[in-house]
């Protein structure tokens, strides 16, 4: 398995874990809301119920966002190598690896720093279309592309 495939698999697992955690939280909130409706009526009860409903709404949005990220990941074939930076490319720089895919953030894999970076992020936009040996600068920080796969 290539390092790019390892990164892809780790990212899929991370998104799946986040989806599972949010789904579990939603189930817990649903159970809490069911218990709240059995409570006595009053302002305190109404406030607690409203807070639970708001939290459920936030978690549903978070779940939808994570499911969209999982769908975007499914469109990437990690076995396909690329000479230029595009969606699904793994870019090596002196600052670490950037996997152009979804904006999840920093991961450590096999002792290496990997950033899951959205192609819409400012750095993702600057990297698009670049090849190994080129350099981009963002906020005064320079990134030299050592390799692209």
C-alpha atoms as a PDB file:
ATOM      1  CA  UNK A   1       0.000   0.000   0.000  1.00  0.00           C
ATOM      2  CA  UNK A   2       1.398   3.407  -0.952  1.00  0.00           C
ATOM      3  CA  UNK A   3       1.628   6.245   1.546  1.00  0.00           C
ATOM      4  CA  UNK A   4      -1.090   8.066  -0.420  1.00  0.00           C
ATOM      5  CA  UNK A   5      -3.416   5.055  -0.038  1.00  0.00           C
ATOM      6  CA  UNK A   6      -2.598   4.915   3.688  1.00  0.00           C
ATOM      7  CA  UNK A   7      -3.498   8.607   4.029  1.00  0.00           C
ATOM      8  CA  UNK A   8      -6.739   8.065   2.107  1.00  0.00           C
ATOM      9  CA  UNK A   9      -7.733   5.079   4.259  1.00  0.00           C
ATOM     10  CA  UNK A  10      -6.913   6.939   7.496  1.00  0.00           C
ATOM     11  CA  UNK A  11      -9.013   9.881   6.334  1.00  0.00           C
ATOM     12  CA  UNK A  12     -11.952   7.616   5.475  1.00  0.00           C
ATOM     13  CA  UNK A  13     -11.707   5.992   8.918  1.00  0.00           C
ATOM     14  CA  UNK A  14     -11.524   9.380  10.651  1.00  0.00           C
ATOM     15  CA  UNK A  15     -14.642  10.658   8.868  1.00  0.00           C
ATOM     16  CA  UNK A  16     -16.482   7.387   9.619  1.00  0.00           C
ATOM     17  CA  UNK A  17     -15.579   7.687  13.325  1.00  0.00           C
ATOM     18  CA  UNK A  18     -16.811  11.280  13.412  1.00  0.00           C
ATOM     19  CA  UNK A  19     -20.076  10.250  11.725  1.00  0.00           C
ATOM     20  CA  UNK A  20     -20.562   7.436  14.268  1.00  0.00           C
ATOM     21  CA  UNK A  21     -19.896   9.818  17.175  1.00  0.00           C
ATOM     22  CA  UNK A  22     -22.390  12.402  15.904  1.00  0.00           C
ATOM     23  CA  UNK A  23     -25.020   9.708  15.265  1.00  0.00           C
ATOM     24  CA  UNK A  24     -24.549   8.410  18.824  1.00  0.00           C
ATOM     25  CA  UNK A  25     -24.904  11.943  20.203  1.00  0.00           C
ATOM     26  CA  UNK A  26     -28.100  12.403  18.184  1.00  0.00           C
ATOM     27  CA  UNK A  27     -29.508   9.162  19.618  1.00  0.00           C
ATOM     28  CA  UNK A  28     -28.627  10.313  23.137  1.00  0.00           C
ATOM     29  CA  UNK A  29     -30.257  13.703  22.528  1.00  0.00           C
ATOM     30  CA  UNK A  30     -33.375  12.018  21.161  1.00  0.00           C
ATOM     31  CA  UNK A  31     -33.595   9.868  24.304  1.00  0.00           C
ATOM     32  CA  UNK A  32     -33.092  12.949  26.504  1.00  0.00           C
ATOM     33  CA  UNK A  33     -35.823  14.808  24.619  1.00  0.00           C
ATOM     34  CA  UNK A  34     -38.177  11.857  25.090  1.00  0.00           C
ATOM     35  CA  UNK A  35     -37.472  11.915  28.839  1.00  0.00           C
ATOM     36  CA  UNK A  36     -37.940  15.708  28.938  1.00  0.00           C
ATOM     37  CA  UNK A  37     -41.429  15.431  27.412  1.00  0.00           C
ATOM     38  CA  UNK A  38     -42.404  13.155  30.320  1.00  0.00           C
ATOM     39  CA  UNK A  39     -41.353  15.819  32.822  1.00  0.00           C
ATOM     40  CA  UNK A  40     -43.717  18.307  34.352  1.00  0.00           C
ATOM     41  CA  UNK A  41     -44.607  21.367  32.336  1.00  0.00           C
ATOM     42  CA  UNK A  42     -43.168  24.770  33.114  1.00  0.00           C
ATOM     43  CA  UNK A  43     -40.655  27.339  31.959  1.00  0.00           C
ATOM     44  CA  UNK A  44     -37.701  25.218  33.058  1.00  0.00           C
ATOM     45  CA  UNK A  45     -39.064  22.254  31.098  1.00  0.00           C
ATOM     46  CA  UNK A  46     -39.694  24.379  27.987  1.00  0.00           C
ATOM     47  CA  UNK A  47     -36.189  25.858  28.125  1.00  0.00           C
ATOM     48  CA  UNK A  48     -34.568  22.438  28.504  1.00  0.00           C
ATOM     49  CA  UNK A  49     -36.604  21.059  25.601  1.00  0.00           C
ATOM     50  CA  UNK A  50     -35.711  24.044  23.404  1.00  0.00           C
ATOM     51  CA  UNK A  51     -32.014  23.604  24.221  1.00  0.00           C
ATOM     52  CA  UNK A  52     -32.196  19.902  23.325  1.00  0.00           C
ATOM     53  CA  UNK A  53     -33.917  20.698  20.034  1.00  0.00           C
ATOM     54  CA  UNK A  54     -31.280  23.315  19.203  1.00  0.00           C
ATOM     55  CA  UNK A  55     -28.487  20.861  19.983  1.00  0.00           C
ATOM     56  CA  UNK A  56     -30.187  18.206  17.821  1.00  0.00           C
ATOM     57  CA  UNK A  57     -30.403  20.681  14.950  1.00  0.00           C
ATOM     58  CA  UNK A  58     -26.694  21.526  15.289  1.00  0.00           C
ATOM     59  CA  UNK A  59     -25.736  17.836  15.356  1.00  0.00           C
ATOM     60  CA  UNK A  60     -27.926  17.089  12.299  1.00  0.00           C
ATOM     61  CA  UNK A  61     -26.112  19.850  10.377  1.00  0.00           C
ATOM     62  CA  UNK A  62     -22.754  18.483  11.532  1.00  0.00           C
ATOM     63  CA  UNK A  63     -23.813  14.980  10.416  1.00  0.00           C
ATOM     64  CA  UNK A  64     -24.888  16.298   7.003  1.00  0.00           C
ATOM     65  CA  UNK A  65     -21.518  18.071   6.570  1.00  0.00           C
ATOM     66  CA  UNK A  66     -19.606  14.909   7.517  1.00  0.00           C
ATOM     67  CA  UNK A  67     -21.688  12.800   5.132  1.00  0.00           C
ATOM     68  CA  UNK A  68     -20.928  15.286   2.343  1.00  0.00           C
ATOM     69  CA  UNK A  69     -17.212  15.010   3.161  1.00  0.00           C
ATOM     70  CA  UNK A  70     -17.455  11.203   3.055  1.00  0.00           C
ATOM     71  CA  UNK A  71     -19.146  11.450  -0.362  1.00  0.00           C
ATOM     72  CA  UNK A  72     -16.363  13.745  -1.633  1.00  0.00           C
ATOM     73  CA  UNK A  73     -13.760  11.251  -0.424  1.00  0.00           C
ATOM     74  CA  UNK A  74     -15.546   8.433  -2.263  1.00  0.00           C
ATOM     75  CA  UNK A  75     -14.961  10.293  -5.534  1.00  0.00           C
ATOM     76  CA  UNK A  76     -11.172  10.110  -5.056  1.00  0.00           C
ATOM     77  CA  UNK A  77      -9.192   7.140  -6.359  1.00  0.00           C
ATOM     78  CA  UNK A  78      -5.963   7.034  -4.315  1.00  0.00           C
ATOM     79  CA  UNK A  79      -4.366   4.601  -6.779  1.00  0.00           C
ATOM     80  CA  UNK A  80      -4.317   7.309  -9.471  1.00  0.00           C
ATOM     81  CA  UNK A  81      -1.044   9.235  -9.488  1.00  0.00           C
ATOM     82  CA  UNK A  82      -0.866  12.808 -10.737  1.00  0.00           C
ATOM     83  CA  UNK A  83       2.010  15.013 -11.843  1.00  0.00           C
ATOM     84  CA  UNK A  84       0.045  18.199 -11.135  1.00  0.00           C
ATOM     85  CA  UNK A  85      -1.848  19.172  -8.013  1.00  0.00           C
ATOM     86  CA  UNK A  86      -5.544  18.443  -8.317  1.00  0.00           C
ATOM     87  CA  UNK A  87      -8.245  16.921  -6.138  1.00  0.00           C
ATOM     88  CA  UNK A  88      -6.889  13.662  -4.699  1.00  0.00           C
ATOM     89  CA  UNK A  89      -3.213  14.611  -5.036  1.00  0.00           C
ATOM     90  CA  UNK A  90      -0.740  14.063  -2.220  1.00  0.00           C
ATOM     91  CA  UNK A  91       1.729  16.953  -2.139  1.00  0.00           C
ATOM     92  CA  UNK A  92       4.977  16.735  -0.188  1.00  0.00           C
ATOM     93  CA  UNK A  93       6.550  19.964   1.084  1.00  0.00           C
ATOM     94  CA  UNK A  94       9.204  20.703   3.693  1.00  0.00           C
ATOM     95  CA  UNK A  95       6.314  21.588   6.052  1.00  0.00           C
ATOM     96  CA  UNK A  96       4.642  18.199   5.628  1.00  0.00           C
ATOM     97  CA  UNK A  97       2.253  16.439   3.304  1.00  0.00           C
ATOM     98  CA  UNK A  98      -0.964  17.956   1.971  1.00  0.00           C
ATOM     99  CA  UNK A  99      -3.698  15.608   0.760  1.00  0.00           C
ATOM    100  CA  UNK A 100      -5.991  17.676  -1.450  1.00  0.00           C
ATOM    101  CA  UNK A 101      -9.396  16.268  -0.553  1.00  0.00           C
ATOM    102  CA  UNK A 102     -11.480  17.521   2.369  1.00  0.00           C
ATOM    103  CA  UNK A 103     -10.697  20.070   5.052  1.00  0.00           C
ATOM    104  CA  UNK A 104     -10.303  17.900   8.131  1.00  0.00           C
ATOM    105  CA  UNK A 105      -6.987  19.240   9.362  1.00  0.00           C
ATOM    106  CA  UNK A 106      -3.772  17.731  10.680  1.00  0.00           C
ATOM    107  CA  UNK A 107      -3.016  14.030  11.142  1.00  0.00           C
ATOM    108  CA  UNK A 108       0.134  12.122  12.086  1.00  0.00           C
ATOM    109  CA  UNK A 109       0.738   8.976  10.030  1.00  0.00           C
ATOM    110  CA  UNK A 110       3.879   6.844  10.143  1.00  0.00           C
ATOM    111  CA  UNK A 111       5.667   9.694  11.917  1.00  0.00           C
ATOM    112  CA  UNK A 112       4.776  12.151   9.158  1.00  0.00           C
ATOM    113  CA  UNK A 113       2.581  15.234   9.370  1.00  0.00           C
ATOM    114  CA  UNK A 114      -0.304  15.141   6.890  1.00  0.00           C
ATOM    115  CA  UNK A 115      -2.823  17.926   6.372  1.00  0.00           C
ATOM    116  CA  UNK A 116      -6.159  17.017   4.790  1.00  0.00           C
ATOM    117  CA  UNK A 117      -6.767  20.168   2.777  1.00  0.00           C
ATOM    118  CA  UNK A 118      -9.851  21.260   0.868  1.00  0.00           C
ATOM    119  CA  UNK A 119      -9.200  22.370  -2.721  1.00  0.00           C
ATOM    120  CA  UNK A 120     -11.280  25.467  -1.858  1.00  0.00           C
ATOM    121  CA  UNK A 121      -8.950  26.477   0.986  1.00  0.00           C
ATOM    122  CA  UNK A 122      -6.591  29.364   0.171  1.00  0.00           C
ATOM    123  CA  UNK A 123      -3.538  27.065   0.129  1.00  0.00           C
ATOM    124  CA  UNK A 124      -5.455  24.448  -1.856  1.00  0.00           C
ATOM    125  CA  UNK A 125      -6.279  27.068  -4.490  1.00  0.00           C
ATOM    126  CA  UNK A 126      -2.643  28.197  -4.687  1.00  0.00           C
ATOM    127  CA  UNK A 127      -1.391  24.620  -5.067  1.00  0.00           C
ATOM    128  CA  UNK A 128      -3.874  23.707  -7.821  1.00  0.00           C
ATOM    129  CA  UNK A 129      -2.127  22.995 -11.115  1.00  0.00           C
ATOM    130  CA  UNK A 130       1.390  23.193  -9.649  1.00  0.00           C
ATOM    131  CA  UNK A 131       4.065  20.518 -10.169  1.00  0.00           C
ATOM    132  CA  UNK A 132       7.040  19.294  -8.119  1.00  0.00           C
ATOM    133  CA  UNK A 133       9.771  21.915  -7.893  1.00  0.00           C
ATOM    134  CA  UNK A 134       7.391  24.884  -7.947  1.00  0.00           C
ATOM    135  CA  UNK A 135       6.852  27.174  -4.977  1.00  0.00           C
ATOM    136  CA  UNK A 136       3.783  28.971  -3.583  1.00  0.00           C
ATOM    137  CA  UNK A 137       3.577  31.620  -0.870  1.00  0.00           C
ATOM    138  CA  UNK A 138       0.661  32.186   1.492  1.00  0.00           C
ATOM    139  CA  UNK A 139       0.661  34.755   4.298  1.00  0.00           C
ATOM    140  CA  UNK A 140       4.415  35.184   3.998  1.00  0.00           C
ATOM    141  CA  UNK A 141       5.063  31.443   4.311  1.00  0.00           C
ATOM    142  CA  UNK A 142       6.696  29.727   1.338  1.00  0.00           C
ATOM    143  CA  UNK A 143       5.920  26.130   0.356  1.00  0.00           C
ATOM    144  CA  UNK A 144       8.204  24.319  -2.096  1.00  0.00           C
ATOM    145  CA  UNK A 145       6.584  21.286  -3.683  1.00  0.00           C
ATOM    146  CA  UNK A 146       9.023  18.395  -3.277  1.00  0.00           C
ATOM    147  CA  UNK A 147       6.761  15.798  -4.892  1.00  0.00           C
ATOM    148  CA  UNK A 148       3.219  15.360  -6.200  1.00  0.00           C
ATOM    149  CA  UNK A 149       1.463  12.007  -6.511  1.00  0.00           C
END
